[in-house]
Amino acid sequence: MENRVSIISVIVENPDSTEKLNKLLHDYSKFIIGRMGIPYREKNINIISIALDASIDVINTLAGKIGMLDGVSSKSICSGV
């Protein structure tokens, strides 16, 4: 299957899910180009962007697993290349 470059945007509202999120990202690290996290202290949330080079199946699986974590939301967008 052809790889795509994509971004998964994540909002973490439950800090107790951070350890599970980091474990998932470690498990998929071979697909991750880079990531950026921004703590938004005034709202007590974290905003994370994850850049990937992976198949659509891998992207959707990771985004789905992230979104299933308690207090964590995720959305993905893919390039055409």
N, C-alpha and C. Protein backbone atom coordinates (compact mmCIF):
# COMPACT_ATOMS: atom_id res chain seq x y z
N MET A 1 0.84 -1.18 0.00
CA MET A 1 0.00 0.00 0.00
C MET A 1 0.89 1.25 0.00
N GLU A 2 0.46 2.25 -0.71
CA GLU A 2 1.22 3.49 -0.85
C GLU A 2 1.18 4.34 0.41
N ASN A 3 2.33 4.91 0.75
CA ASN A 3 2.40 5.80 1.92
C ASN A 3 1.91 7.19 1.58
N ARG A 4 1.41 7.87 2.58
CA ARG A 4 0.97 9.26 2.49
C ARG A 4 1.63 10.05 3.60
N VAL A 5 1.83 11.32 3.36
CA VAL A 5 2.27 12.23 4.41
C VAL A 5 1.02 12.78 5.05
N SER A 6 0.97 12.77 6.37
CA SER A 6 -0.23 13.20 7.06
C SER A 6 0.10 13.88 8.38
N ILE A 7 -0.92 14.51 8.93
CA ILE A 7 -0.84 15.12 10.25
C ILE A 7 -2.00 14.57 11.08
N ILE A 8 -1.70 14.16 12.29
CA ILE A 8 -2.75 13.84 13.26
C ILE A 8 -2.71 14.94 14.31
N SER A 9 -3.83 15.61 14.47
CA SER A 9 -3.96 16.64 15.50
C SER A 9 -4.63 16.02 16.71
N VAL A 10 -4.07 16.31 17.88
CA VAL A 10 -4.54 15.69 19.11
C VAL A 10 -4.77 16.76 20.17
N ILE A 11 -5.88 16.64 20.90
CA ILE A 11 -6.12 17.48 22.07
C ILE A 11 -6.30 16.56 23.26
N VAL A 12 -5.46 16.78 24.27
CA VAL A 12 -5.49 15.97 25.49
C VAL A 12 -6.13 16.79 26.60
N GLU A 13 -7.31 16.35 27.04
CA GLU A 13 -8.01 17.03 28.14
C GLU A 13 -7.86 16.27 29.46
N ASN A 14 -7.43 15.02 29.39
CA ASN A 14 -7.24 14.20 30.59
C ASN A 14 -5.76 13.85 30.71
N PRO A 15 -5.03 14.51 31.60
CA PRO A 15 -3.59 14.26 31.72
C PRO A 15 -3.26 12.82 32.13
N ASP A 16 -4.23 12.09 32.69
CA ASP A 16 -3.99 10.70 33.05
C ASP A 16 -3.80 9.80 31.82
N SER A 17 -4.20 10.27 30.64
CA SER A 17 -4.05 9.49 29.41
C SER A 17 -2.71 9.73 28.72
N THR A 18 -1.90 10.62 29.25
CA THR A 18 -0.64 10.97 28.61
C THR A 18 0.30 9.78 28.48
N GLU A 19 0.40 8.96 29.50
CA GLU A 19 1.30 7.81 29.46
C GLU A 19 0.89 6.83 28.36
N LYS A 20 -0.42 6.57 28.23
CA LYS A 20 -0.92 5.67 27.19
C LYS A 20 -0.69 6.27 25.80
N LEU A 21 -0.87 7.59 25.68
CA LEU A 21 -0.63 8.26 24.41
C LEU A 21 0.85 8.14 24.02
N ASN A 22 1.74 8.40 24.94
CA ASN A 22 3.17 8.29 24.65
C ASN A 22 3.56 6.86 24.27
N LYS A 23 2.92 5.86 24.88
CA LYS A 23 3.19 4.46 24.53
C LYS A 23 2.76 4.19 23.09
N LEU A 24 1.58 4.69 22.71
CA LEU A 24 1.12 4.52 21.32
C LEU A 24 2.09 5.17 20.34
N LEU A 25 2.51 6.40 20.65
CA LEU A 25 3.43 7.10 19.76
C LEU A 25 4.76 6.36 19.65
N HIS A 26 5.21 5.77 20.74
CA HIS A 26 6.44 4.97 20.71
C HIS A 26 6.25 3.74 19.81
N ASP A 27 5.09 3.09 19.91
CA ASP A 27 4.80 1.90 19.11
C ASP A 27 4.78 2.22 17.61
N TYR A 28 4.40 3.44 17.25
CA TYR A 28 4.31 3.85 15.85
C TYR A 28 5.46 4.77 15.44
N SER A 29 6.53 4.78 16.21
CA SER A 29 7.62 5.75 15.99
C SER A 29 8.29 5.61 14.64
N LYS A 30 8.28 4.42 14.04
CA LYS A 30 8.94 4.27 12.73
C LYS A 30 8.21 5.04 11.62
N PHE A 31 6.96 5.44 11.87
CA PHE A 31 6.19 6.20 10.89
C PHE A 31 6.20 7.71 11.17
N ILE A 32 6.66 8.10 12.35
CA ILE A 32 6.57 9.50 12.77
C ILE A 32 7.75 10.30 12.24
N ILE A 33 7.44 11.36 11.50
CA ILE A 33 8.46 12.28 10.99
C ILE A 33 8.85 13.25 12.11
N GLY A 34 7.87 13.73 12.84
CA GLY A 34 8.12 14.66 13.93
C GLY A 34 6.83 14.95 14.68
N ARG A 35 6.99 15.56 15.84
CA ARG A 35 5.81 15.92 16.62
C ARG A 35 6.08 17.20 17.38
N MET A 36 4.99 17.92 17.67
CA MET A 36 5.09 19.17 18.42
C MET A 36 3.95 19.19 19.43
N GLY A 37 4.31 19.49 20.67
CA GLY A 37 3.31 19.58 21.72
C GLY A 37 3.29 20.97 22.33
N ILE A 38 2.09 21.47 22.57
CA ILE A 38 1.92 22.79 23.15
C ILE A 38 1.03 22.67 24.38
N PRO A 39 1.57 22.93 25.56
CA PRO A 39 0.71 22.94 26.74
C PRO A 39 -0.07 24.26 26.81
N TYR A 40 -1.37 24.18 26.90
CA TYR A 40 -2.21 25.37 27.02
C TYR A 40 -2.68 25.42 28.47
N ARG A 41 -1.86 26.01 29.30
CA ARG A 41 -2.06 25.98 30.75
C ARG A 41 -3.35 26.66 31.20
N GLU A 42 -3.75 27.72 30.50
CA GLU A 42 -4.97 28.44 30.90
C GLU A 42 -6.20 27.56 30.79
N LYS A 43 -6.20 26.62 29.85
CA LYS A 43 -7.33 25.72 29.64
C LYS A 43 -7.07 24.32 30.20
N ASN A 44 -5.87 24.10 30.71
CA ASN A 44 -5.46 22.81 31.27
C ASN A 44 -5.58 21.67 30.24
N ILE A 45 -5.13 21.95 29.00
CA ILE A 45 -5.12 20.94 27.94
C ILE A 45 -3.75 20.96 27.25
N ASN A 46 -3.50 19.93 26.46
CA ASN A 46 -2.31 19.87 25.62
C ASN A 46 -2.73 19.68 24.18
N ILE A 47 -2.06 20.40 23.29
CA ILE A 47 -2.33 20.33 21.86
C ILE A 47 -1.10 19.73 21.20
N ILE A 48 -1.30 18.65 20.43
CA ILE A 48 -0.17 17.93 19.84
C ILE A 48 -0.42 17.75 18.35
N SER A 49 0.62 17.97 17.54
CA SER A 49 0.59 17.67 16.11
C SER A 49 1.62 16.59 15.84
N ILE A 50 1.22 15.57 15.11
CA ILE A 50 2.10 14.46 14.78
C ILE A 50 2.17 14.33 13.27
N ALA A 51 3.36 14.49 12.69
CA ALA A 51 3.55 14.33 11.25
C ALA A 51 3.98 12.89 10.98
N LEU A 52 3.33 12.26 10.00
CA LEU A 52 3.58 10.85 9.69
C LEU A 52 3.85 10.64 8.21
N ASP A 53 4.58 9.58 7.91
CA ASP A 53 4.73 9.05 6.56
C ASP A 53 4.36 7.58 6.66
N ALA A 54 3.12 7.24 6.30
CA ALA A 54 2.62 5.89 6.52
C ALA A 54 1.46 5.60 5.57
N SER A 55 1.04 4.35 5.56
CA SER A 55 -0.12 3.98 4.75
C SER A 55 -1.39 4.54 5.41
N ILE A 56 -2.44 4.64 4.61
CA ILE A 56 -3.72 5.12 5.12
C ILE A 56 -4.21 4.24 6.27
N ASP A 57 -4.00 2.93 6.16
CA ASP A 57 -4.42 2.02 7.22
C ASP A 57 -3.71 2.33 8.54
N VAL A 58 -2.39 2.56 8.48
CA VAL A 58 -1.63 2.87 9.69
C VAL A 58 -2.09 4.21 10.27
N ILE A 59 -2.27 5.20 9.42
CA ILE A 59 -2.71 6.53 9.87
C ILE A 59 -4.06 6.43 10.57
N ASN A 60 -5.00 5.77 9.93
CA ASN A 60 -6.35 5.65 10.50
C ASN A 60 -6.35 4.82 11.79
N THR A 61 -5.54 3.78 11.82
CA THR A 61 -5.46 2.95 13.03
C THR A 61 -4.90 3.75 14.19
N LEU A 62 -3.81 4.47 13.96
CA LEU A 62 -3.22 5.27 15.03
C LEU A 62 -4.18 6.36 15.49
N ALA A 63 -4.77 7.10 14.55
CA ALA A 63 -5.71 8.16 14.93
C ALA A 63 -6.89 7.60 15.71
N GLY A 64 -7.38 6.42 15.32
CA GLY A 64 -8.48 5.79 16.03
C GLY A 64 -8.10 5.37 17.44
N LYS A 65 -6.92 4.78 17.58
CA LYS A 65 -6.46 4.36 18.91
C LYS A 65 -6.25 5.57 19.83
N ILE A 66 -5.71 6.65 19.26
CA ILE A 66 -5.52 7.87 20.05
C ILE A 66 -6.88 8.41 20.50
N GLY A 67 -7.83 8.46 19.58
CA GLY A 67 -9.16 8.99 19.89
C GLY A 67 -9.94 8.15 20.88
N MET A 68 -9.56 6.89 21.07
CA MET A 68 -10.24 6.02 22.02
C MET A 68 -9.74 6.22 23.45
N LEU A 69 -8.63 6.93 23.62
CA LEU A 69 -8.12 7.20 24.95
C LEU A 69 -9.06 8.15 25.69
N ASP A 70 -9.20 7.97 26.97
CA ASP A 70 -10.10 8.79 27.78
C ASP A 70 -9.64 10.25 27.80
N GLY A 71 -10.53 11.14 27.37
CA GLY A 71 -10.23 12.57 27.40
C GLY A 71 -9.27 13.02 26.32
N VAL A 72 -9.18 12.25 25.23
CA VAL A 72 -8.27 12.58 24.12
C VAL A 72 -9.08 12.58 22.83
N SER A 73 -8.89 13.63 22.02
CA SER A 73 -9.55 13.73 20.71
C SER A 73 -8.48 13.77 19.63
N SER A 74 -8.79 13.19 18.46
CA SER A 74 -7.83 13.23 17.35
C SER A 74 -8.54 13.34 16.01
N LYS A 75 -7.88 13.98 15.08
CA LYS A 75 -8.33 14.10 13.70
C LYS A 75 -7.10 14.00 12.81
N SER A 76 -7.28 13.43 11.63
CA SER A 76 -6.14 13.32 10.72
C SER A 76 -6.47 13.95 9.38
N ILE A 77 -5.42 14.39 8.70
CA ILE A 77 -5.53 14.91 7.35
C ILE A 77 -4.35 14.35 6.57
N CYS A 78 -4.61 13.94 5.32
CA CYS A 78 -3.58 13.31 4.50
C CYS A 78 -3.31 14.11 3.24
N SER A 79 -2.06 14.05 2.81
CA SER A 79 -1.69 14.66 1.53
C SER A 79 -2.02 13.70 0.41
N GLY A 80 -1.89 14.18 -0.79
CA GLY A 80 -2.09 13.35 -1.96
C GLY A 80 -0.84 12.60 -2.37
N VAL A 81 0.28 12.86 -1.70
CA VAL A 81 1.55 12.21 -2.05
C VAL A 81 2.03 11.27 -0.97
